[in-house]
Amino acid sequence: MQETKKEIMLYIPMGVKLEQEFFTGFGKKELIRSIITMGISFIISFVIYLFNTSQSILIVSLLSSIFGSIMICVKDTQNQSVLDYIINIINFYKEQQIYNYVSNYF
């Protein structure tokens, strides 16, 4: 018995987003990531404030951490954010870089 299989091709247009975005390149996943990075940077800002009690430094560091965390998490046209690029670079350097080949001829 020979069965014939018919291939069904599914064409997905480029640039279709699966999730709703608040603005271009920034959705729910990016919001959660930016909240986490803002929390970490807020802790760092308050530690800096404890050593240097200038309120202007605290305000500047808090505002820059808010804008910085959003800018790090916004995805570009390649659907990659700066944070994704950093994670990809770290994963690349964690992988094996040198491959030792064993030959049976010698």
N, C-alpha and C. Protein backbone atom coordinates (compact mmCIF):
# COMPACT_ATOMS: atom_id res chain seq x y z
N MET A 1 0.84 -1.16 0.00
CA MET A 1 0.00 0.00 0.00
C MET A 1 0.89 1.23 0.00
N GLN A 2 0.64 2.03 -0.94
CA GLN A 2 1.43 3.24 -1.08
C GLN A 2 0.50 4.44 -0.90
N GLU A 3 0.85 5.24 0.10
CA GLU A 3 0.03 6.42 0.38
C GLU A 3 0.71 7.64 -0.21
N THR A 4 -0.08 8.48 -0.76
CA THR A 4 0.47 9.74 -1.27
C THR A 4 0.16 10.84 -0.27
N LYS A 5 1.20 11.56 0.07
CA LYS A 5 1.03 12.65 1.01
C LYS A 5 1.07 13.97 0.26
N LYS A 6 0.12 14.76 0.55
CA LYS A 6 0.06 16.08 -0.07
C LYS A 6 0.66 17.09 0.91
N GLU A 7 1.66 17.81 0.43
CA GLU A 7 2.29 18.82 1.28
C GLU A 7 1.44 20.08 1.30
N ILE A 8 1.22 20.55 2.48
CA ILE A 8 0.48 21.80 2.64
C ILE A 8 1.48 22.86 3.07
N MET A 9 1.65 23.84 2.24
CA MET A 9 2.59 24.92 2.54
C MET A 9 1.84 26.05 3.23
N LEU A 10 2.41 26.51 4.31
CA LEU A 10 1.82 27.61 5.04
C LEU A 10 2.75 28.81 4.93
N TYR A 11 2.26 29.86 4.36
CA TYR A 11 3.06 31.06 4.18
C TYR A 11 2.69 32.07 5.26
N ILE A 12 3.68 32.44 6.04
CA ILE A 12 3.47 33.44 7.08
C ILE A 12 4.13 34.72 6.62
N PRO A 13 3.37 35.78 6.49
CA PRO A 13 3.96 37.03 6.04
C PRO A 13 4.98 37.56 7.03
N MET A 14 5.98 38.24 6.51
CA MET A 14 7.04 38.78 7.35
C MET A 14 6.52 39.99 8.13
N GLY A 15 6.91 40.08 9.38
CA GLY A 15 6.54 41.23 10.19
C GLY A 15 5.24 41.08 10.94
N VAL A 16 4.63 39.89 10.92
CA VAL A 16 3.38 39.68 11.65
C VAL A 16 3.72 39.43 13.11
N LYS A 17 3.12 40.17 14.00
CA LYS A 17 3.36 40.03 15.43
C LYS A 17 2.29 39.14 16.04
N LEU A 18 2.71 38.25 16.92
CA LEU A 18 1.77 37.34 17.56
C LEU A 18 1.11 37.95 18.78
N GLU A 19 1.79 38.90 19.41
CA GLU A 19 1.27 39.51 20.63
C GLU A 19 0.91 40.97 20.36
N GLN A 20 -0.01 41.46 21.18
CA GLN A 20 -0.38 42.87 21.08
C GLN A 20 0.75 43.72 21.64
N GLU A 21 1.05 44.82 20.96
CA GLU A 21 2.13 45.69 21.40
C GLU A 21 1.56 47.03 21.83
N PHE A 22 2.19 47.61 22.87
CA PHE A 22 1.77 48.93 23.34
C PHE A 22 2.20 50.00 22.35
N PHE A 23 3.43 49.88 21.85
CA PHE A 23 3.91 50.66 20.71
C PHE A 23 4.89 49.78 19.96
N THR A 24 5.33 50.20 18.81
CA THR A 24 6.11 49.35 17.92
C THR A 24 7.34 48.79 18.63
N GLY A 25 7.39 47.46 18.73
CA GLY A 25 8.53 46.78 19.33
C GLY A 25 8.47 46.64 20.84
N PHE A 26 7.37 47.01 21.46
CA PHE A 26 7.29 46.96 22.92
C PHE A 26 5.94 46.35 23.31
N GLY A 27 5.98 45.08 23.72
CA GLY A 27 4.77 44.37 24.13
C GLY A 27 4.80 43.99 25.60
N LYS A 28 4.00 42.99 25.94
CA LYS A 28 3.88 42.56 27.33
C LYS A 28 5.19 41.95 27.84
N LYS A 29 5.86 41.15 27.01
CA LYS A 29 7.11 40.52 27.41
C LYS A 29 8.19 41.57 27.67
N GLU A 30 8.26 42.57 26.81
CA GLU A 30 9.24 43.63 26.98
C GLU A 30 8.92 44.49 28.20
N LEU A 31 7.63 44.67 28.50
CA LEU A 31 7.23 45.41 29.69
C LEU A 31 7.71 44.72 30.96
N ILE A 32 7.56 43.40 31.02
CA ILE A 32 8.01 42.65 32.19
C ILE A 32 9.53 42.74 32.32
N ARG A 33 10.25 42.60 31.19
CA ARG A 33 11.71 42.71 31.22
C ARG A 33 12.15 44.10 31.68
N SER A 34 11.49 45.13 31.20
CA SER A 34 11.89 46.48 31.59
C SER A 34 11.57 46.76 33.05
N ILE A 35 10.49 46.20 33.57
CA ILE A 35 10.18 46.38 35.00
C ILE A 35 11.24 45.71 35.86
N ILE A 36 11.71 44.53 35.44
CA ILE A 36 12.76 43.84 36.18
C ILE A 36 14.05 44.66 36.15
N THR A 37 14.44 45.16 34.97
CA THR A 37 15.67 45.95 34.89
C THR A 37 15.53 47.28 35.64
N MET A 38 14.33 47.86 35.63
CA MET A 38 14.12 49.08 36.41
C MET A 38 14.26 48.81 37.90
N GLY A 39 13.74 47.68 38.37
CA GLY A 39 13.87 47.34 39.79
C GLY A 39 15.32 47.19 40.20
N ILE A 40 16.10 46.50 39.36
CA ILE A 40 17.53 46.34 39.66
C ILE A 40 18.23 47.69 39.67
N SER A 41 17.93 48.52 38.67
CA SER A 41 18.60 49.83 38.60
C SER A 41 18.12 50.77 39.71
N PHE A 42 16.88 50.63 40.18
CA PHE A 42 16.42 51.44 41.32
C PHE A 42 17.20 51.09 42.57
N ILE A 43 17.45 49.81 42.77
CA ILE A 43 18.24 49.38 43.94
C ILE A 43 19.65 49.96 43.86
N ILE A 44 20.25 49.90 42.67
CA ILE A 44 21.59 50.47 42.49
C ILE A 44 21.57 51.98 42.72
N SER A 45 20.52 52.65 42.25
CA SER A 45 20.42 54.10 42.45
C SER A 45 20.31 54.47 43.92
N PHE A 46 19.54 53.70 44.67
CA PHE A 46 19.42 54.00 46.09
C PHE A 46 20.69 53.69 46.88
N VAL A 47 21.43 52.69 46.44
CA VAL A 47 22.72 52.42 47.08
C VAL A 47 23.68 53.58 46.81
N ILE A 48 23.67 54.10 45.59
CA ILE A 48 24.49 55.27 45.28
C ILE A 48 24.04 56.47 46.10
N TYR A 49 22.74 56.61 46.29
CA TYR A 49 22.20 57.73 47.07
C TYR A 49 22.63 57.64 48.54
N LEU A 50 22.77 56.44 49.07
CA LEU A 50 23.20 56.29 50.46
C LEU A 50 24.61 56.81 50.67
N PHE A 51 25.48 56.63 49.66
CA PHE A 51 26.85 57.10 49.79
C PHE A 51 26.99 58.57 49.41
N ASN A 52 26.15 59.03 48.48
CA ASN A 52 26.18 60.42 48.05
C ASN A 52 24.76 60.96 48.21
N THR A 53 24.52 61.79 49.20
CA THR A 53 23.15 62.19 49.54
C THR A 53 22.61 63.33 48.68
N SER A 54 23.10 63.47 47.49
CA SER A 54 22.60 64.50 46.59
C SER A 54 21.32 64.00 45.91
N GLN A 55 20.25 64.77 46.04
CA GLN A 55 18.98 64.36 45.45
C GLN A 55 19.00 64.48 43.93
N SER A 56 19.78 65.40 43.40
CA SER A 56 19.84 65.54 41.94
C SER A 56 20.45 64.30 41.30
N ILE A 57 21.46 63.71 41.94
CA ILE A 57 22.05 62.48 41.41
C ILE A 57 21.03 61.35 41.46
N LEU A 58 20.25 61.28 42.53
CA LEU A 58 19.22 60.26 42.65
C LEU A 58 18.18 60.41 41.55
N ILE A 59 17.71 61.62 41.31
CA ILE A 59 16.67 61.85 40.30
C ILE A 59 17.20 61.54 38.90
N VAL A 60 18.41 61.98 38.61
CA VAL A 60 19.00 61.71 37.29
C VAL A 60 19.20 60.21 37.09
N SER A 61 19.68 59.51 38.11
CA SER A 61 19.91 58.07 37.97
C SER A 61 18.59 57.30 37.83
N LEU A 62 17.55 57.73 38.55
CA LEU A 62 16.26 57.07 38.41
C LEU A 62 15.65 57.29 37.03
N LEU A 63 15.69 58.52 36.55
CA LEU A 63 15.13 58.80 35.22
C LEU A 63 15.92 58.11 34.11
N SER A 64 17.23 58.11 34.23
CA SER A 64 18.04 57.44 33.21
C SER A 64 17.83 55.93 33.25
N SER A 65 17.58 55.37 34.44
CA SER A 65 17.32 53.94 34.50
C SER A 65 15.97 53.59 33.88
N ILE A 66 14.98 54.46 34.03
CA ILE A 66 13.68 54.21 33.41
C ILE A 66 13.81 54.24 31.89
N PHE A 67 14.40 55.31 31.36
CA PHE A 67 14.53 55.41 29.90
C PHE A 67 15.49 54.36 29.35
N GLY A 68 16.55 54.07 30.10
CA GLY A 68 17.51 53.06 29.65
C GLY A 68 16.91 51.67 29.59
N SER A 69 16.12 51.31 30.59
CA SER A 69 15.53 49.98 30.59
C SER A 69 14.51 49.82 29.47
N ILE A 70 13.79 50.87 29.16
CA ILE A 70 12.84 50.78 28.04
C ILE A 70 13.59 50.70 26.72
N MET A 71 14.64 51.48 26.56
CA MET A 71 15.41 51.46 25.31
C MET A 71 16.13 50.13 25.11
N ILE A 72 16.55 49.49 26.19
CA ILE A 72 17.22 48.19 26.07
C ILE A 72 16.23 47.11 25.63
N CYS A 73 14.97 47.23 26.03
CA CYS A 73 13.99 46.17 25.77
C CYS A 73 13.18 46.35 24.49
N VAL A 74 13.23 47.51 23.85
CA VAL A 74 12.45 47.74 22.63
C VAL A 74 13.09 46.96 21.48
N LYS A 75 12.26 46.23 20.72
CA LYS A 75 12.74 45.42 19.61
C LYS A 75 12.81 46.27 18.34
N ASP A 76 13.79 45.95 17.49
CA ASP A 76 13.96 46.68 16.24
C ASP A 76 13.27 45.92 15.10
N THR A 77 13.60 46.27 13.87
CA THR A 77 12.96 45.64 12.71
C THR A 77 13.35 44.17 12.55
N GLN A 78 14.47 43.77 13.14
CA GLN A 78 14.91 42.38 13.09
C GLN A 78 14.27 41.53 14.20
N ASN A 79 13.38 42.13 14.96
CA ASN A 79 12.69 41.50 16.09
C ASN A 79 13.68 41.09 17.18
N GLN A 80 14.72 41.89 17.36
CA GLN A 80 15.74 41.67 18.39
C GLN A 80 15.92 42.96 19.18
N SER A 81 16.04 42.84 20.47
CA SER A 81 16.34 44.00 21.31
C SER A 81 17.81 43.96 21.71
N VAL A 82 18.28 45.03 22.33
CA VAL A 82 19.66 45.06 22.80
C VAL A 82 19.88 43.97 23.84
N LEU A 83 18.90 43.75 24.69
CA LEU A 83 18.98 42.70 25.70
C LEU A 83 19.06 41.32 25.04
N ASP A 84 18.31 41.10 23.96
CA ASP A 84 18.38 39.84 23.23
C ASP A 84 19.76 39.64 22.61
N TYR A 85 20.34 40.72 22.06
CA TYR A 85 21.69 40.62 21.49
C TYR A 85 22.70 40.25 22.57
N ILE A 86 22.59 40.86 23.74
CA ILE A 86 23.52 40.56 24.83
C ILE A 86 23.37 39.10 25.28
N ILE A 87 22.14 38.63 25.39
CA ILE A 87 21.90 37.24 25.78
C ILE A 87 22.46 36.28 24.73
N ASN A 88 22.30 36.61 23.44
CA ASN A 88 22.84 35.77 22.37
C ASN A 88 24.36 35.74 22.41
N ILE A 89 25.00 36.87 22.68
CA ILE A 89 26.46 36.91 22.76
C ILE A 89 26.95 36.07 23.93
N ILE A 90 26.29 36.17 25.09
CA ILE A 90 26.68 35.38 26.25
C ILE A 90 26.51 33.89 25.97
N ASN A 91 25.40 33.51 25.35
CA ASN A 91 25.20 32.09 25.01
C ASN A 91 26.22 31.60 24.00
N PHE A 92 26.62 32.44 23.07
CA PHE A 92 27.63 32.06 22.08
C PHE A 92 28.97 31.79 22.75
N TYR A 93 29.38 32.65 23.66
CA TYR A 93 30.66 32.46 24.33
C TYR A 93 30.64 31.34 25.36
N LYS A 94 29.46 30.91 25.80
CA LYS A 94 29.36 29.77 26.70
C LYS A 94 29.54 28.44 25.96
N GLU A 95 29.22 28.44 24.67
CA GLU A 95 29.33 27.22 23.89
C GLU A 95 30.79 26.87 23.64
N GLN A 96 30.99 25.63 23.22
CA GLN A 96 32.33 25.16 22.93
C GLN A 96 32.86 25.86 21.70
N GLN A 97 34.06 26.44 21.80
CA GLN A 97 34.64 27.20 20.70
C GLN A 97 35.75 26.44 19.97
N ILE A 98 36.38 25.52 20.66
CA ILE A 98 37.48 24.76 20.06
C ILE A 98 37.04 23.32 19.92
N TYR A 99 37.17 22.79 18.71
CA TYR A 99 36.78 21.43 18.43
C TYR A 99 38.03 20.62 18.09
N ASN A 100 38.34 19.66 18.94
CA ASN A 100 39.51 18.82 18.73
C ASN A 100 39.09 17.61 17.91
N TYR A 101 39.75 17.42 16.79
CA TYR A 101 39.44 16.29 15.92
C TYR A 101 40.47 15.19 16.14
N VAL A 102 39.98 13.97 16.25
CA VAL A 102 40.84 12.82 16.43
C VAL A 102 40.86 12.06 15.11
N SER A 103 42.07 11.81 14.62
CA SER A 103 42.20 11.11 13.36
C SER A 103 42.69 9.70 13.60
N ASN A 104 42.19 8.74 12.87
CA ASN A 104 42.61 7.36 13.01
C ASN A 104 43.78 7.02 12.10
N TYR A 105 44.23 7.95 11.29
CA TYR A 105 45.29 7.66 10.32
C TYR A 105 46.68 7.78 10.94
N PHE A 106 46.86 8.42 12.05
CA PHE A 106 48.19 8.60 12.61
C PHE A 106 48.33 7.90 13.92
